[in-house]
Amino acid sequence: MNRSIRKTASDLNVSIGTLWTIMTKDLGYKPYKKRKVHGVTEATTKKRRNRAKLILSRHAGQEFVFSDEKPFVLQQPHNAQNDRLWAPTFASISPSHINIPRFQSAASVMVWGAVCRRGKLPLLFIDKNAKINAA
């Protein structure tokens, strides 16, 4: 079913709770969120395979090192969809619980790591003002 419970219940002239019970308990359905995924066509897959084979043939017997860096921001995570506060009234919630501050220059740490056929390299913690490039 690709329609909301609310619209379907309205069309069938039943309550949302009744339809929810029918869908979950009687039919055994569960609600799932749609996922965003990359659109990969057959042509794209073929192109990627050919490029990978070309790279492997050019560098046969050589060691490959795969590396990447990632900044870790030290802020409270927030998921507006799932973070819920239960209270009798909005006014009864303290501002320190309901407000999640965001800062442009939040404290963070940059970590670099690499792996190859022989194993992994130790993680490096990069200084705050250092530039990461091929050199």
N, C-alpha and C. Protein backbone atom coordinates (compact mmCIF):
# COMPACT_ATOMS: atom_id res chain seq x y z
N MET A 1 0.85 -1.17 0.00
CA MET A 1 0.00 0.00 0.00
C MET A 1 0.89 1.23 0.00
N ASN A 2 0.59 2.17 -0.86
CA ASN A 2 1.42 3.35 -1.00
C ASN A 2 0.66 4.61 -0.60
N ARG A 3 -0.34 4.45 0.25
CA ARG A 3 -1.14 5.59 0.70
C ARG A 3 -1.07 5.68 2.21
N SER A 4 -1.33 6.86 2.72
CA SER A 4 -1.29 7.03 4.16
C SER A 4 -2.51 6.37 4.80
N ILE A 5 -2.35 6.01 6.07
CA ILE A 5 -3.44 5.42 6.83
C ILE A 5 -4.61 6.41 6.90
N ARG A 6 -4.29 7.68 7.07
CA ARG A 6 -5.33 8.71 7.19
C ARG A 6 -6.20 8.79 5.93
N LYS A 7 -5.57 8.82 4.75
CA LYS A 7 -6.33 8.91 3.51
C LYS A 7 -7.14 7.64 3.26
N THR A 8 -6.53 6.49 3.51
CA THR A 8 -7.22 5.23 3.29
C THR A 8 -8.42 5.10 4.23
N ALA A 9 -8.24 5.48 5.50
CA ALA A 9 -9.33 5.41 6.48
C ALA A 9 -10.47 6.33 6.06
N SER A 10 -10.13 7.50 5.56
CA SER A 10 -11.15 8.44 5.09
C SER A 10 -11.91 7.86 3.91
N ASP A 11 -11.22 7.24 2.96
CA ASP A 11 -11.89 6.64 1.80
C ASP A 11 -12.80 5.49 2.19
N LEU A 12 -12.39 4.70 3.18
CA LEU A 12 -13.18 3.55 3.61
C LEU A 12 -14.23 3.90 4.65
N ASN A 13 -14.22 5.16 5.10
CA ASN A 13 -15.16 5.66 6.11
C ASN A 13 -15.06 4.88 7.42
N VAL A 14 -13.81 4.62 7.86
CA VAL A 14 -13.54 3.99 9.16
C VAL A 14 -12.56 4.87 9.91
N SER A 15 -12.43 4.63 11.19
CA SER A 15 -11.48 5.44 11.97
C SER A 15 -10.05 5.00 11.67
N ILE A 16 -9.12 5.90 11.96
CA ILE A 16 -7.70 5.61 11.74
C ILE A 16 -7.27 4.45 12.63
N GLY A 17 -7.74 4.44 13.88
CA GLY A 17 -7.39 3.37 14.81
C GLY A 17 -7.88 2.02 14.35
N THR A 18 -9.09 1.96 13.79
CA THR A 18 -9.63 0.70 13.28
C THR A 18 -8.79 0.20 12.12
N LEU A 19 -8.48 1.09 11.18
CA LEU A 19 -7.66 0.69 10.03
C LEU A 19 -6.27 0.27 10.48
N TRP A 20 -5.71 0.98 11.47
CA TRP A 20 -4.39 0.63 12.00
C TRP A 20 -4.41 -0.78 12.58
N THR A 21 -5.45 -1.11 13.33
CA THR A 21 -5.58 -2.44 13.92
C THR A 21 -5.69 -3.50 12.83
N ILE A 22 -6.49 -3.24 11.82
CA ILE A 22 -6.65 -4.19 10.71
C ILE A 22 -5.31 -4.41 10.01
N MET A 23 -4.61 -3.32 9.70
CA MET A 23 -3.35 -3.43 8.96
C MET A 23 -2.27 -4.16 9.77
N THR A 24 -2.16 -3.84 11.06
CA THR A 24 -1.07 -4.40 11.86
C THR A 24 -1.40 -5.76 12.46
N LYS A 25 -2.54 -5.86 13.11
CA LYS A 25 -2.85 -7.11 13.82
C LYS A 25 -3.48 -8.15 12.92
N ASP A 26 -4.45 -7.75 12.11
CA ASP A 26 -5.15 -8.73 11.28
C ASP A 26 -4.33 -9.14 10.06
N LEU A 27 -3.72 -8.16 9.37
CA LEU A 27 -2.97 -8.47 8.15
C LEU A 27 -1.48 -8.68 8.40
N GLY A 28 -0.98 -8.24 9.56
CA GLY A 28 0.44 -8.41 9.88
C GLY A 28 1.36 -7.45 9.15
N TYR A 29 0.83 -6.32 8.68
CA TYR A 29 1.65 -5.32 8.00
C TYR A 29 2.37 -4.45 9.01
N LYS A 30 3.50 -3.87 8.60
CA LYS A 30 4.24 -2.90 9.40
C LYS A 30 4.51 -1.68 8.54
N PRO A 31 4.52 -0.50 9.12
CA PRO A 31 4.85 0.69 8.32
C PRO A 31 6.36 0.83 8.15
N TYR A 32 6.79 1.16 6.96
CA TYR A 32 8.21 1.36 6.68
C TYR A 32 8.38 2.69 5.97
N LYS A 33 9.50 3.35 6.24
CA LYS A 33 9.82 4.58 5.53
C LYS A 33 10.50 4.25 4.22
N LYS A 34 10.23 5.05 3.21
CA LYS A 34 10.94 4.88 1.94
C LYS A 34 12.38 5.35 2.13
N ARG A 35 13.30 4.71 1.39
CA ARG A 35 14.71 5.05 1.51
C ARG A 35 15.19 5.75 0.26
N LYS A 36 16.10 6.66 0.43
CA LYS A 36 16.76 7.29 -0.71
C LYS A 36 17.98 6.45 -1.06
N VAL A 37 18.09 6.05 -2.31
CA VAL A 37 19.23 5.26 -2.76
C VAL A 37 19.75 5.84 -4.06
N HIS A 38 20.98 5.48 -4.42
CA HIS A 38 21.56 5.94 -5.67
C HIS A 38 20.87 5.24 -6.83
N GLY A 39 20.58 6.01 -7.87
CA GLY A 39 20.01 5.43 -9.08
C GLY A 39 21.13 4.90 -9.96
N VAL A 40 21.26 3.58 -10.05
CA VAL A 40 22.31 2.96 -10.85
C VAL A 40 21.64 2.17 -11.97
N THR A 41 21.96 2.54 -13.20
CA THR A 41 21.39 1.84 -14.35
C THR A 41 22.32 0.71 -14.79
N GLU A 42 21.86 -0.10 -15.71
CA GLU A 42 22.69 -1.19 -16.25
C GLU A 42 23.92 -0.61 -16.97
N ALA A 43 23.72 0.52 -17.67
CA ALA A 43 24.84 1.16 -18.37
C ALA A 43 25.90 1.66 -17.38
N THR A 44 25.46 2.23 -16.27
CA THR A 44 26.39 2.72 -15.24
C THR A 44 27.16 1.57 -14.63
N THR A 45 26.47 0.47 -14.34
CA THR A 45 27.13 -0.71 -13.78
C THR A 45 28.19 -1.24 -14.73
N LYS A 46 27.86 -1.30 -16.01
CA LYS A 46 28.81 -1.80 -17.02
C LYS A 46 30.04 -0.88 -17.11
N LYS A 47 29.79 0.44 -17.09
CA LYS A 47 30.87 1.42 -17.15
C LYS A 47 31.81 1.29 -15.94
N ARG A 48 31.22 1.12 -14.75
CA ARG A 48 32.03 0.97 -13.54
C ARG A 48 32.87 -0.30 -13.60
N ARG A 49 32.28 -1.38 -14.08
CA ARG A 49 33.00 -2.65 -14.16
C ARG A 49 34.18 -2.52 -15.12
N ASN A 50 33.97 -1.89 -16.28
CA ASN A 50 35.05 -1.71 -17.25
C ASN A 50 36.17 -0.84 -16.70
N ARG A 51 35.81 0.22 -16.00
CA ARG A 51 36.83 1.10 -15.41
C ARG A 51 37.63 0.38 -14.34
N ALA A 52 36.96 -0.43 -13.52
CA ALA A 52 37.65 -1.18 -12.47
C ALA A 52 38.63 -2.17 -13.07
N LYS A 53 38.22 -2.86 -14.14
CA LYS A 53 39.12 -3.80 -14.81
C LYS A 53 40.33 -3.09 -15.40
N LEU A 54 40.12 -1.90 -15.98
CA LEU A 54 41.20 -1.12 -16.55
C LEU A 54 42.20 -0.71 -15.47
N ILE A 55 41.70 -0.24 -14.35
CA ILE A 55 42.58 0.17 -13.24
C ILE A 55 43.38 -1.03 -12.73
N LEU A 56 42.71 -2.17 -12.57
CA LEU A 56 43.41 -3.37 -12.09
C LEU A 56 44.48 -3.83 -13.06
N SER A 57 44.20 -3.74 -14.36
CA SER A 57 45.21 -4.18 -15.34
C SER A 57 46.39 -3.22 -15.39
N ARG A 58 46.15 -1.93 -15.22
CA ARG A 58 47.24 -0.93 -15.23
C ARG A 58 48.16 -1.07 -14.02
N HIS A 59 47.57 -1.45 -12.89
CA HIS A 59 48.33 -1.48 -11.64
C HIS A 59 48.46 -2.89 -11.08
N ALA A 60 48.57 -3.88 -11.95
CA ALA A 60 48.68 -5.27 -11.52
C ALA A 60 49.93 -5.45 -10.66
N GLY A 61 49.76 -6.08 -9.52
CA GLY A 61 50.88 -6.36 -8.63
C GLY A 61 51.27 -5.21 -7.73
N GLN A 62 50.70 -4.04 -7.92
CA GLN A 62 51.02 -2.90 -7.07
C GLN A 62 50.12 -2.90 -5.84
N GLU A 63 50.58 -2.21 -4.83
CA GLU A 63 49.82 -2.10 -3.58
C GLU A 63 48.86 -0.92 -3.66
N PHE A 64 47.61 -1.15 -3.32
CA PHE A 64 46.61 -0.09 -3.25
C PHE A 64 46.42 0.32 -1.80
N VAL A 65 46.34 1.62 -1.57
CA VAL A 65 46.04 2.13 -0.24
C VAL A 65 44.80 3.00 -0.37
N PHE A 66 43.79 2.67 0.38
CA PHE A 66 42.55 3.44 0.40
C PHE A 66 42.51 4.24 1.69
N SER A 67 42.32 5.56 1.55
CA SER A 67 42.32 6.41 2.74
C SER A 67 41.17 7.41 2.67
N ASP A 68 40.81 7.92 3.84
CA ASP A 68 39.76 8.93 3.91
C ASP A 68 39.90 9.64 5.24
N GLU A 69 39.33 10.84 5.28
CA GLU A 69 39.31 11.59 6.53
C GLU A 69 37.87 11.93 6.86
N LYS A 70 37.62 12.14 8.15
CA LYS A 70 36.26 12.43 8.60
C LYS A 70 36.31 13.36 9.78
N PRO A 71 35.57 14.48 9.69
CA PRO A 71 35.47 15.34 10.88
C PRO A 71 34.37 14.82 11.81
N PHE A 72 34.66 14.73 13.07
CA PHE A 72 33.68 14.34 14.08
C PHE A 72 33.33 15.57 14.88
N VAL A 73 32.09 16.02 14.78
CA VAL A 73 31.63 17.22 15.47
C VAL A 73 31.09 16.82 16.84
N LEU A 74 31.51 17.53 17.85
CA LEU A 74 31.12 17.20 19.21
C LEU A 74 29.89 18.02 19.62
N GLN A 75 28.75 17.72 18.98
CA GLN A 75 27.48 18.35 19.33
C GLN A 75 26.47 17.28 19.61
N GLN A 76 25.45 17.65 20.36
CA GLN A 76 24.39 16.71 20.68
C GLN A 76 23.66 16.31 19.39
N PRO A 77 23.52 15.01 19.11
CA PRO A 77 22.80 14.62 17.90
C PRO A 77 21.31 14.93 18.03
N HIS A 78 20.68 15.21 16.90
CA HIS A 78 19.26 15.54 16.94
C HIS A 78 18.57 14.92 15.73
N ASN A 79 17.53 14.16 15.99
CA ASN A 79 16.69 13.58 14.95
C ASN A 79 15.27 14.06 15.20
N ALA A 80 14.83 15.05 14.43
CA ALA A 80 13.52 15.66 14.67
C ALA A 80 12.39 14.65 14.51
N GLN A 81 12.60 13.62 13.73
CA GLN A 81 11.54 12.63 13.52
C GLN A 81 11.36 11.73 14.74
N ASN A 82 12.47 11.38 15.39
CA ASN A 82 12.40 10.38 16.45
C ASN A 82 12.61 10.92 17.86
N ASP A 83 13.19 12.09 18.00
CA ASP A 83 13.40 12.65 19.33
C ASP A 83 12.11 13.28 19.83
N ARG A 84 11.45 12.62 20.75
CA ARG A 84 10.17 13.10 21.28
C ARG A 84 10.29 13.31 22.78
N LEU A 85 9.61 14.30 23.27
CA LEU A 85 9.52 14.55 24.70
C LEU A 85 8.06 14.40 25.10
N TRP A 86 7.81 13.60 26.11
CA TRP A 86 6.44 13.40 26.58
C TRP A 86 6.25 14.22 27.85
N ALA A 87 5.25 15.08 27.83
CA ALA A 87 4.96 15.94 28.97
C ALA A 87 3.49 16.33 28.93
N PRO A 88 2.92 16.72 30.08
CA PRO A 88 1.50 17.11 30.09
C PRO A 88 1.24 18.39 29.30
N THR A 89 2.17 19.35 29.36
CA THR A 89 2.04 20.59 28.58
C THR A 89 3.41 21.00 28.08
N PHE A 90 3.43 21.81 27.02
CA PHE A 90 4.69 22.31 26.48
C PHE A 90 5.40 23.18 27.51
N ALA A 91 4.62 23.96 28.26
CA ALA A 91 5.20 24.87 29.24
C ALA A 91 5.91 24.13 30.37
N SER A 92 5.55 22.88 30.60
CA SER A 92 6.18 22.14 31.69
C SER A 92 7.56 21.59 31.33
N ILE A 93 7.96 21.74 30.08
CA ILE A 93 9.28 21.26 29.66
C ILE A 93 10.28 22.40 29.80
N SER A 94 11.41 22.14 30.46
CA SER A 94 12.40 23.19 30.64
C SER A 94 13.10 23.48 29.31
N PRO A 95 13.49 24.74 29.07
CA PRO A 95 14.18 25.10 27.82
C PRO A 95 15.45 24.29 27.58
N SER A 96 16.13 23.88 28.63
CA SER A 96 17.37 23.11 28.44
C SER A 96 17.08 21.73 27.84
N HIS A 97 15.85 21.23 27.99
CA HIS A 97 15.50 19.93 27.41
C HIS A 97 14.91 20.06 26.01
N ILE A 98 14.21 21.14 25.73
CA ILE A 98 13.50 21.27 24.46
C ILE A 98 14.37 21.91 23.38
N ASN A 99 15.33 22.75 23.76
CA ASN A 99 16.18 23.45 22.80
C ASN A 99 17.50 22.72 22.62
N ILE A 100 17.88 22.51 21.37
CA ILE A 100 19.18 21.90 21.06
C ILE A 100 20.00 22.94 20.31
N PRO A 101 20.99 23.55 20.97
CA PRO A 101 21.76 24.61 20.32
C PRO A 101 22.69 24.06 19.24
N ARG A 102 22.86 24.84 18.19
CA ARG A 102 23.78 24.53 17.10
C ARG A 102 24.76 25.69 16.96
N PHE A 103 26.03 25.39 16.79
CA PHE A 103 27.06 26.41 16.65
C PHE A 103 27.82 26.20 15.35
N GLN A 104 28.14 27.30 14.67
CA GLN A 104 28.87 27.18 13.41
C GLN A 104 30.30 26.70 13.61
N SER A 105 30.93 27.12 14.68
CA SER A 105 32.31 26.71 14.94
C SER A 105 32.33 25.74 16.11
N ALA A 106 31.59 24.66 15.98
CA ALA A 106 31.50 23.68 17.06
C ALA A 106 32.82 22.94 17.21
N ALA A 107 33.06 22.47 18.42
CA ALA A 107 34.27 21.69 18.67
C ALA A 107 34.24 20.43 17.82
N SER A 108 35.36 20.12 17.18
CA SER A 108 35.41 18.93 16.33
C SER A 108 36.83 18.39 16.29
N VAL A 109 36.95 17.19 15.80
CA VAL A 109 38.26 16.56 15.63
C VAL A 109 38.26 15.88 14.27
N MET A 110 39.36 16.03 13.51
CA MET A 110 39.50 15.42 12.20
C MET A 110 40.36 14.16 12.35
N VAL A 111 39.85 13.04 11.82
CA VAL A 111 40.57 11.76 11.92
C VAL A 111 40.81 11.24 10.51
N TRP A 112 42.03 10.74 10.27
CA TRP A 112 42.40 10.15 8.97
C TRP A 112 42.75 8.69 9.19
N GLY A 113 42.29 7.85 8.26
CA GLY A 113 42.60 6.44 8.34
C GLY A 113 42.84 5.87 6.96
N ALA A 114 43.53 4.72 6.90
CA ALA A 114 43.82 4.08 5.63
C ALA A 114 43.91 2.58 5.81
N VAL A 115 43.56 1.86 4.73
CA VAL A 115 43.66 0.40 4.73
C VAL A 115 44.29 -0.04 3.42
N CYS A 116 44.92 -1.19 3.46
CA CYS A 116 45.47 -1.79 2.24
C CYS A 116 45.38 -3.30 2.38
N ARG A 117 45.92 -4.02 1.42
CA ARG A 117 45.82 -5.48 1.42
C ARG A 117 46.49 -6.08 2.66
N ARG A 118 47.54 -5.47 3.13
CA ARG A 118 48.29 -6.00 4.27
C ARG A 118 47.70 -5.64 5.63
N GLY A 119 46.70 -4.77 5.65
CA GLY A 119 46.09 -4.40 6.92
C GLY A 119 45.73 -2.94 6.97
N LYS A 120 45.55 -2.45 8.17
CA LYS A 120 45.15 -1.06 8.35
C LYS A 120 46.28 -0.25 8.96
N LEU A 121 46.29 1.04 8.65
CA LEU A 121 47.26 1.95 9.23
C LEU A 121 46.66 2.53 10.50
N PRO A 122 47.48 3.00 11.43
CA PRO A 122 46.93 3.60 12.64
C PRO A 122 46.19 4.89 12.31
N LEU A 123 45.15 5.19 13.08
CA LEU A 123 44.39 6.42 12.88
C LEU A 123 45.25 7.63 13.24
N LEU A 124 45.12 8.70 12.46
CA LEU A 124 45.84 9.94 12.74
C LEU A 124 44.83 11.02 13.08
N PHE A 125 45.07 11.73 14.17
CA PHE A 125 44.24 12.86 14.55
C PHE A 125 44.91 14.11 14.00
N ILE A 126 44.21 14.81 13.12
CA ILE A 126 44.77 15.94 12.39
C ILE A 126 44.58 17.22 13.20
N ASP A 127 45.62 18.08 13.20
CA ASP A 127 45.54 19.36 13.90
C ASP A 127 44.42 20.23 13.32
N LYS A 128 43.92 21.15 14.11
CA LYS A 128 42.76 21.97 13.76
C LYS A 128 42.94 22.74 12.45
N ASN A 129 44.09 23.36 12.22
CA ASN A 129 44.29 24.22 11.04
C ASN A 129 45.06 23.52 9.92
N ALA A 130 45.30 22.24 10.02
CA ALA A 130 46.06 21.53 8.99
C ALA A 130 45.19 21.28 7.77
N LYS A 131 45.82 21.29 6.59
CA LYS A 131 45.11 21.00 5.33
C LYS A 131 45.38 19.55 4.94
N ILE A 132 44.35 18.88 4.46
CA ILE A 132 44.49 17.49 4.02
C ILE A 132 44.45 17.50 2.49
N ASN A 133 45.50 17.00 1.84
CA ASN A 133 45.52 16.86 0.39
C ASN A 133 46.42 15.69 0.03
N ALA A 134 46.63 15.46 -1.23
CA ALA A 134 47.42 14.31 -1.68
C ALA A 134 48.85 14.33 -1.16
N ALA A 135 49.42 15.52 -1.02
CA ALA A 135 50.80 15.64 -0.57
C ALA A 135 50.89 15.24 0.90
